[in-house]
Amino acid sequence: MTRSLENLTKRRRTGGRGRAYRGRRAFERDGYAVEPVVGAVTKRTFRERGGSSSTALVTADVANVSDKSGKTTSSKILRVKKSPANRDYERRGVITRGAVIETEAGEAVVTSKPSDDGVVNAVVSKK
């Protein structure tokens, strides 16, 4: 998936179209968005600039859930109840940061970014 070269194709002061003075570099390439859903755990590893790597969570069935006292347990994810990021994510069951998920430990709010961190961390919501 490619994006336009935002800063390379600006308009001139006169309003005319500016031409990109070079092509896209390898580090400017863009990939498809990873939208983690509920399912058996699968991860995807990406090579990043400088040779480092990052792990994205594609599907997850467990979350590290912390309670009020600070005790953390691994709990099974049942479903995504609410997603403030996007209403469509609720319907599709996409796990994002801030999403309210239903777990065996109760309702929890996701505190990690599963597509960046490669893990689902959550805190039991007050009720």
N, C-alpha and C. Protein backbone atom coordinates (compact mmCIF):
# COMPACT_ATOMS: atom_id res chain seq x y z
N MET A 1 0.85 -1.16 0.00
CA MET A 1 0.00 0.00 0.00
C MET A 1 0.90 1.23 0.00
N THR A 2 0.67 2.12 -0.89
CA THR A 2 1.52 3.30 -0.96
C THR A 2 0.72 4.55 -0.65
N ARG A 3 1.42 5.50 -0.09
CA ARG A 3 0.84 6.81 0.17
C ARG A 3 1.53 7.81 -0.74
N SER A 4 0.88 8.92 -0.94
CA SER A 4 1.50 9.96 -1.75
C SER A 4 2.71 10.52 -1.02
N LEU A 5 3.62 11.06 -1.77
CA LEU A 5 4.77 11.72 -1.17
C LEU A 5 4.34 13.11 -0.73
N GLU A 6 3.84 13.19 0.50
CA GLU A 6 3.19 14.40 0.98
C GLU A 6 4.04 15.66 0.78
N ASN A 7 5.24 15.65 1.28
CA ASN A 7 6.04 16.86 1.27
C ASN A 7 6.79 17.08 -0.04
N LEU A 8 6.74 16.13 -0.93
CA LEU A 8 7.48 16.26 -2.17
C LEU A 8 6.62 16.84 -3.29
N THR A 9 5.31 16.79 -3.13
CA THR A 9 4.43 17.27 -4.20
C THR A 9 3.55 18.41 -3.71
N LYS A 10 4.19 19.46 -3.22
CA LYS A 10 3.42 20.62 -2.75
C LYS A 10 3.11 21.55 -3.92
N ARG A 11 2.17 22.45 -3.73
CA ARG A 11 1.84 23.46 -4.75
C ARG A 11 2.83 24.62 -4.68
N ARG A 12 3.03 25.24 -5.80
CA ARG A 12 3.92 26.40 -5.85
C ARG A 12 3.21 27.62 -5.31
N ARG A 13 3.97 28.70 -5.10
CA ARG A 13 3.39 29.93 -4.61
C ARG A 13 2.32 30.46 -5.57
N THR A 14 2.51 30.19 -6.86
CA THR A 14 1.57 30.65 -7.87
C THR A 14 0.32 29.79 -7.95
N GLY A 15 0.34 28.65 -7.26
CA GLY A 15 -0.80 27.74 -7.29
C GLY A 15 -0.59 26.57 -8.22
N GLY A 16 0.51 26.62 -8.98
CA GLY A 16 0.81 25.52 -9.91
C GLY A 16 1.24 24.27 -9.17
N ARG A 17 1.12 23.15 -9.87
CA ARG A 17 1.45 21.87 -9.26
C ARG A 17 2.96 21.67 -9.25
N GLY A 18 3.49 21.28 -8.10
CA GLY A 18 4.92 21.01 -7.99
C GLY A 18 5.18 19.54 -8.28
N ARG A 19 6.26 19.23 -8.94
CA ARG A 19 6.63 17.85 -9.25
C ARG A 19 7.60 17.34 -8.19
N ALA A 20 7.47 16.10 -7.82
CA ALA A 20 8.39 15.50 -6.87
C ALA A 20 9.78 15.47 -7.47
N TYR A 21 10.76 15.89 -6.69
CA TYR A 21 12.12 15.94 -7.22
C TYR A 21 12.84 14.61 -7.06
N ARG A 22 12.21 13.67 -6.39
CA ARG A 22 12.77 12.32 -6.25
C ARG A 22 11.65 11.33 -6.00
N GLY A 23 11.98 10.07 -6.04
CA GLY A 23 11.00 9.02 -5.80
C GLY A 23 10.89 8.69 -4.32
N ARG A 24 10.13 7.68 -4.01
CA ARG A 24 9.93 7.26 -2.63
C ARG A 24 11.13 6.42 -2.16
N ARG A 25 11.58 6.67 -0.97
CA ARG A 25 12.65 5.89 -0.37
C ARG A 25 12.05 4.65 0.32
N ALA A 26 12.90 3.68 0.56
CA ALA A 26 12.43 2.43 1.17
C ALA A 26 11.83 2.68 2.55
N PHE A 27 12.42 3.60 3.32
CA PHE A 27 11.90 3.86 4.66
C PHE A 27 10.60 4.66 4.64
N GLU A 28 10.22 5.19 3.49
CA GLU A 28 8.97 5.93 3.37
C GLU A 28 7.81 5.03 2.96
N ARG A 29 8.11 3.78 2.67
CA ARG A 29 7.05 2.84 2.30
C ARG A 29 6.08 2.67 3.44
N ASP A 30 4.85 2.38 3.11
CA ASP A 30 3.83 2.20 4.13
C ASP A 30 3.26 0.79 3.99
N GLY A 31 2.87 0.19 5.09
CA GLY A 31 2.29 -1.14 5.05
C GLY A 31 0.81 -1.09 5.35
N TYR A 32 0.18 -2.24 5.27
CA TYR A 32 -1.24 -2.31 5.60
C TYR A 32 -1.40 -2.23 7.11
N ALA A 33 -2.48 -1.63 7.55
CA ALA A 33 -2.75 -1.50 8.99
C ALA A 33 -3.05 -2.88 9.57
N VAL A 34 -2.50 -3.15 10.75
CA VAL A 34 -2.78 -4.40 11.46
C VAL A 34 -3.88 -4.10 12.45
N GLU A 35 -5.02 -4.76 12.30
CA GLU A 35 -6.17 -4.55 13.18
C GLU A 35 -6.44 -5.82 13.96
N PRO A 36 -5.94 -5.91 15.21
CA PRO A 36 -6.05 -7.13 16.00
C PRO A 36 -7.50 -7.47 16.34
N VAL A 37 -7.86 -8.74 16.17
CA VAL A 37 -9.19 -9.23 16.51
C VAL A 37 -9.07 -10.39 17.48
N VAL A 38 -10.21 -10.84 18.02
CA VAL A 38 -10.22 -11.95 18.97
C VAL A 38 -10.05 -13.26 18.22
N GLY A 39 -9.13 -14.08 18.68
CA GLY A 39 -8.85 -15.38 18.06
C GLY A 39 -7.57 -15.95 18.65
N ALA A 40 -7.18 -17.13 18.17
CA ALA A 40 -5.94 -17.76 18.64
C ALA A 40 -4.77 -16.82 18.36
N VAL A 41 -3.81 -16.77 19.29
CA VAL A 41 -2.72 -15.79 19.21
C VAL A 41 -1.87 -15.98 17.96
N THR A 42 -1.80 -14.93 17.13
CA THR A 42 -0.87 -14.88 16.01
C THR A 42 -0.23 -13.50 16.00
N LYS A 43 1.06 -13.47 15.69
CA LYS A 43 1.80 -12.22 15.68
C LYS A 43 2.49 -12.05 14.34
N ARG A 44 2.83 -10.80 14.01
CA ARG A 44 3.55 -10.49 12.78
C ARG A 44 4.74 -9.62 13.15
N THR A 45 5.90 -9.97 12.65
CA THR A 45 7.12 -9.22 12.95
C THR A 45 7.52 -8.40 11.73
N PHE A 46 7.87 -7.14 11.97
CA PHE A 46 8.28 -6.23 10.91
C PHE A 46 9.71 -5.78 11.14
N ARG A 47 10.45 -5.60 10.04
CA ARG A 47 11.77 -5.01 10.14
C ARG A 47 11.60 -3.51 10.09
N GLU A 48 12.24 -2.83 11.01
CA GLU A 48 12.16 -1.39 11.05
C GLU A 48 13.49 -0.77 10.65
N ARG A 49 13.48 0.53 10.55
CA ARG A 49 14.68 1.25 10.15
C ARG A 49 15.79 1.06 11.17
N GLY A 50 16.99 0.81 10.71
CA GLY A 50 18.11 0.58 11.60
C GLY A 50 18.28 -0.88 11.94
N GLY A 51 17.46 -1.76 11.33
CA GLY A 51 17.59 -3.19 11.56
C GLY A 51 16.82 -3.71 12.75
N SER A 52 16.15 -2.82 13.50
CA SER A 52 15.37 -3.28 14.64
C SER A 52 14.07 -3.90 14.15
N SER A 53 13.35 -4.55 15.03
CA SER A 53 12.10 -5.18 14.63
C SER A 53 10.99 -4.83 15.60
N SER A 54 9.77 -4.88 15.12
CA SER A 54 8.62 -4.65 15.97
C SER A 54 7.62 -5.78 15.75
N THR A 55 6.86 -6.07 16.78
CA THR A 55 5.89 -7.15 16.72
C THR A 55 4.49 -6.59 16.81
N ALA A 56 3.63 -7.01 15.89
CA ALA A 56 2.24 -6.60 15.89
C ALA A 56 1.37 -7.82 16.18
N LEU A 57 0.34 -7.62 16.94
CA LEU A 57 -0.60 -8.69 17.28
C LEU A 57 -1.70 -8.72 16.23
N VAL A 58 -1.87 -9.85 15.57
CA VAL A 58 -2.90 -9.98 14.54
C VAL A 58 -4.19 -10.51 15.16
N THR A 59 -4.07 -11.54 15.98
CA THR A 59 -5.22 -12.07 16.72
C THR A 59 -4.78 -12.37 18.16
N ALA A 60 -5.69 -12.23 19.09
CA ALA A 60 -5.38 -12.47 20.51
C ALA A 60 -6.57 -13.11 21.20
N ASP A 61 -6.29 -14.02 22.13
CA ASP A 61 -7.38 -14.62 22.90
C ASP A 61 -7.21 -14.42 24.40
N VAL A 62 -6.06 -13.87 24.82
CA VAL A 62 -5.83 -13.60 26.24
C VAL A 62 -5.34 -12.18 26.43
N ALA A 63 -5.64 -11.64 27.61
CA ALA A 63 -5.19 -10.29 27.96
C ALA A 63 -4.61 -10.33 29.37
N ASN A 64 -3.59 -9.51 29.61
CA ASN A 64 -3.03 -9.36 30.95
C ASN A 64 -3.86 -8.31 31.66
N VAL A 65 -4.72 -8.75 32.57
CA VAL A 65 -5.68 -7.86 33.22
C VAL A 65 -5.23 -7.54 34.65
N SER A 66 -5.14 -6.24 34.95
CA SER A 66 -4.78 -5.79 36.29
C SER A 66 -6.04 -5.32 37.01
N ASP A 67 -6.11 -5.61 38.32
CA ASP A 67 -7.26 -5.14 39.09
C ASP A 67 -6.86 -3.93 39.92
N LYS A 68 -7.77 -3.46 40.78
CA LYS A 68 -7.53 -2.25 41.57
C LYS A 68 -6.31 -2.37 42.48
N SER A 69 -6.11 -3.56 43.04
CA SER A 69 -4.99 -3.76 43.97
C SER A 69 -3.65 -3.85 43.24
N GLY A 70 -3.67 -3.97 41.92
CA GLY A 70 -2.43 -4.04 41.14
C GLY A 70 -2.04 -5.45 40.75
N LYS A 71 -2.85 -6.44 41.16
CA LYS A 71 -2.56 -7.83 40.82
C LYS A 71 -2.93 -8.08 39.36
N THR A 72 -2.02 -8.68 38.61
CA THR A 72 -2.24 -8.93 37.19
C THR A 72 -2.39 -10.42 36.93
N THR A 73 -3.43 -10.76 36.17
CA THR A 73 -3.67 -12.15 35.79
C THR A 73 -3.92 -12.23 34.29
N SER A 74 -3.62 -13.38 33.72
CA SER A 74 -3.89 -13.61 32.31
C SER A 74 -5.33 -14.10 32.20
N SER A 75 -6.14 -13.40 31.44
CA SER A 75 -7.56 -13.70 31.36
C SER A 75 -8.01 -13.84 29.91
N LYS A 76 -8.94 -14.75 29.66
CA LYS A 76 -9.43 -14.99 28.31
C LYS A 76 -10.33 -13.84 27.84
N ILE A 77 -10.10 -13.39 26.60
CA ILE A 77 -10.94 -12.33 26.02
C ILE A 77 -12.19 -12.98 25.43
N LEU A 78 -13.36 -12.49 25.81
CA LEU A 78 -14.61 -13.04 25.30
C LEU A 78 -15.09 -12.26 24.07
N ARG A 79 -15.08 -10.92 24.17
CA ARG A 79 -15.49 -10.09 23.02
C ARG A 79 -15.13 -8.63 23.28
N VAL A 80 -15.22 -7.83 22.22
CA VAL A 80 -15.01 -6.39 22.32
C VAL A 80 -16.38 -5.75 22.51
N LYS A 81 -16.56 -5.04 23.64
CA LYS A 81 -17.86 -4.44 23.93
C LYS A 81 -18.00 -3.05 23.33
N LYS A 82 -16.95 -2.24 23.45
CA LYS A 82 -17.02 -0.85 23.00
C LYS A 82 -15.65 -0.40 22.53
N SER A 83 -15.64 0.42 21.48
CA SER A 83 -14.39 0.96 20.98
C SER A 83 -14.57 2.44 20.67
N PRO A 84 -13.98 3.31 21.50
CA PRO A 84 -14.14 4.74 21.26
C PRO A 84 -13.39 5.22 20.01
N ALA A 85 -12.44 4.42 19.52
CA ALA A 85 -11.67 4.81 18.34
C ALA A 85 -12.54 4.83 17.08
N ASN A 86 -13.42 3.84 16.96
CA ASN A 86 -14.20 3.71 15.73
C ASN A 86 -15.39 2.79 16.00
N ARG A 87 -16.58 3.21 15.63
CA ARG A 87 -17.77 2.41 15.86
C ARG A 87 -17.73 1.11 15.07
N ASP A 88 -17.12 1.16 13.89
CA ASP A 88 -17.01 -0.03 13.06
C ASP A 88 -16.14 -1.09 13.72
N TYR A 89 -15.15 -0.65 14.52
CA TYR A 89 -14.29 -1.60 15.23
C TYR A 89 -15.09 -2.42 16.24
N GLU A 90 -16.13 -1.82 16.82
CA GLU A 90 -16.99 -2.57 17.76
C GLU A 90 -17.65 -3.73 17.04
N ARG A 91 -18.19 -3.46 15.86
CA ARG A 91 -18.89 -4.49 15.10
C ARG A 91 -17.94 -5.60 14.65
N ARG A 92 -16.75 -5.19 14.23
CA ARG A 92 -15.78 -6.15 13.72
C ARG A 92 -14.96 -6.81 14.82
N GLY A 93 -15.00 -6.26 16.04
CA GLY A 93 -14.27 -6.84 17.16
C GLY A 93 -12.79 -6.54 17.14
N VAL A 94 -12.42 -5.36 16.65
CA VAL A 94 -11.01 -4.97 16.59
C VAL A 94 -10.58 -4.43 17.95
N ILE A 95 -9.45 -4.93 18.46
CA ILE A 95 -8.95 -4.52 19.77
C ILE A 95 -7.98 -3.35 19.59
N THR A 96 -8.32 -2.19 20.17
CA THR A 96 -7.46 -1.02 20.11
C THR A 96 -7.26 -0.49 21.52
N ARG A 97 -6.34 0.46 21.67
CA ARG A 97 -6.11 1.08 22.96
C ARG A 97 -7.36 1.88 23.32
N GLY A 98 -7.86 1.68 24.55
CA GLY A 98 -9.07 2.37 24.99
C GLY A 98 -10.33 1.56 24.79
N ALA A 99 -10.23 0.45 24.07
CA ALA A 99 -11.40 -0.39 23.83
C ALA A 99 -11.82 -1.10 25.12
N VAL A 100 -13.12 -1.25 25.31
CA VAL A 100 -13.64 -1.98 26.46
C VAL A 100 -13.86 -3.42 26.01
N ILE A 101 -13.15 -4.36 26.67
CA ILE A 101 -13.28 -5.76 26.31
C ILE A 101 -13.90 -6.54 27.46
N GLU A 102 -14.63 -7.58 27.11
CA GLU A 102 -15.23 -8.44 28.12
C GLU A 102 -14.30 -9.63 28.31
N THR A 103 -13.82 -9.81 29.53
CA THR A 103 -12.91 -10.92 29.84
C THR A 103 -13.51 -11.77 30.94
N GLU A 104 -12.85 -12.87 31.26
CA GLU A 104 -13.31 -13.73 32.35
C GLU A 104 -13.19 -13.02 33.69
N ALA A 105 -12.29 -12.02 33.78
CA ALA A 105 -12.10 -11.25 35.00
C ALA A 105 -13.10 -10.10 35.10
N GLY A 106 -13.91 -9.89 34.06
CA GLY A 106 -14.88 -8.79 34.03
C GLY A 106 -14.55 -7.84 32.89
N GLU A 107 -15.26 -6.71 32.87
CA GLU A 107 -15.01 -5.70 31.83
C GLU A 107 -13.68 -5.02 32.10
N ALA A 108 -12.90 -4.84 31.04
CA ALA A 108 -11.59 -4.21 31.19
C ALA A 108 -11.34 -3.24 30.04
N VAL A 109 -10.54 -2.22 30.34
CA VAL A 109 -10.16 -1.23 29.33
C VAL A 109 -8.73 -1.52 28.88
N VAL A 110 -8.52 -1.62 27.57
CA VAL A 110 -7.20 -1.93 27.02
C VAL A 110 -6.28 -0.72 27.19
N THR A 111 -5.09 -0.95 27.77
CA THR A 111 -4.14 0.13 28.02
C THR A 111 -2.94 0.08 27.08
N SER A 112 -2.73 -1.04 26.41
CA SER A 112 -1.60 -1.16 25.49
C SER A 112 -2.08 -0.96 24.06
N LYS A 113 -1.12 -0.83 23.13
CA LYS A 113 -1.45 -0.74 21.72
C LYS A 113 -1.09 -2.09 21.09
N PRO A 114 -2.07 -2.99 20.94
CA PRO A 114 -1.77 -4.34 20.46
C PRO A 114 -1.06 -4.39 19.11
N SER A 115 -1.37 -3.44 18.22
CA SER A 115 -0.75 -3.47 16.90
C SER A 115 0.69 -2.95 16.95
N ASP A 116 1.09 -2.31 18.06
CA ASP A 116 2.46 -1.82 18.21
C ASP A 116 3.25 -2.64 19.22
N ASP A 117 2.60 -3.02 20.33
CA ASP A 117 3.29 -3.68 21.43
C ASP A 117 3.32 -5.20 21.31
N GLY A 118 2.37 -5.77 20.58
CA GLY A 118 2.32 -7.22 20.42
C GLY A 118 1.71 -7.95 21.61
N VAL A 119 1.02 -7.21 22.49
CA VAL A 119 0.39 -7.82 23.66
C VAL A 119 -0.83 -6.98 24.05
N VAL A 120 -1.81 -7.63 24.70
CA VAL A 120 -2.99 -6.91 25.17
C VAL A 120 -2.91 -6.79 26.69
N ASN A 121 -2.70 -5.55 27.16
CA ASN A 121 -2.74 -5.27 28.60
C ASN A 121 -4.00 -4.48 28.88
N ALA A 122 -4.65 -4.76 30.01
CA ALA A 122 -5.92 -4.11 30.33
C ALA A 122 -6.05 -3.90 31.82
N VAL A 123 -6.95 -2.98 32.19
CA VAL A 123 -7.25 -2.69 33.58
C VAL A 123 -8.74 -2.88 33.78
N VAL A 124 -9.12 -3.57 34.86
CA VAL A 124 -10.54 -3.80 35.15
C VAL A 124 -11.21 -2.45 35.38
N SER A 125 -12.32 -2.21 34.67
CA SER A 125 -13.03 -0.94 34.81
C SER A 125 -13.84 -0.93 36.09
N LYS A 126 -14.04 0.27 36.65
CA LYS A 126 -14.77 0.42 37.91
C LYS A 126 -16.24 0.16 37.72
N LYS A 127 -16.82 -0.65 38.57
CA LYS A 127 -18.27 -0.89 38.53
C LYS A 127 -18.76 -1.30 39.88
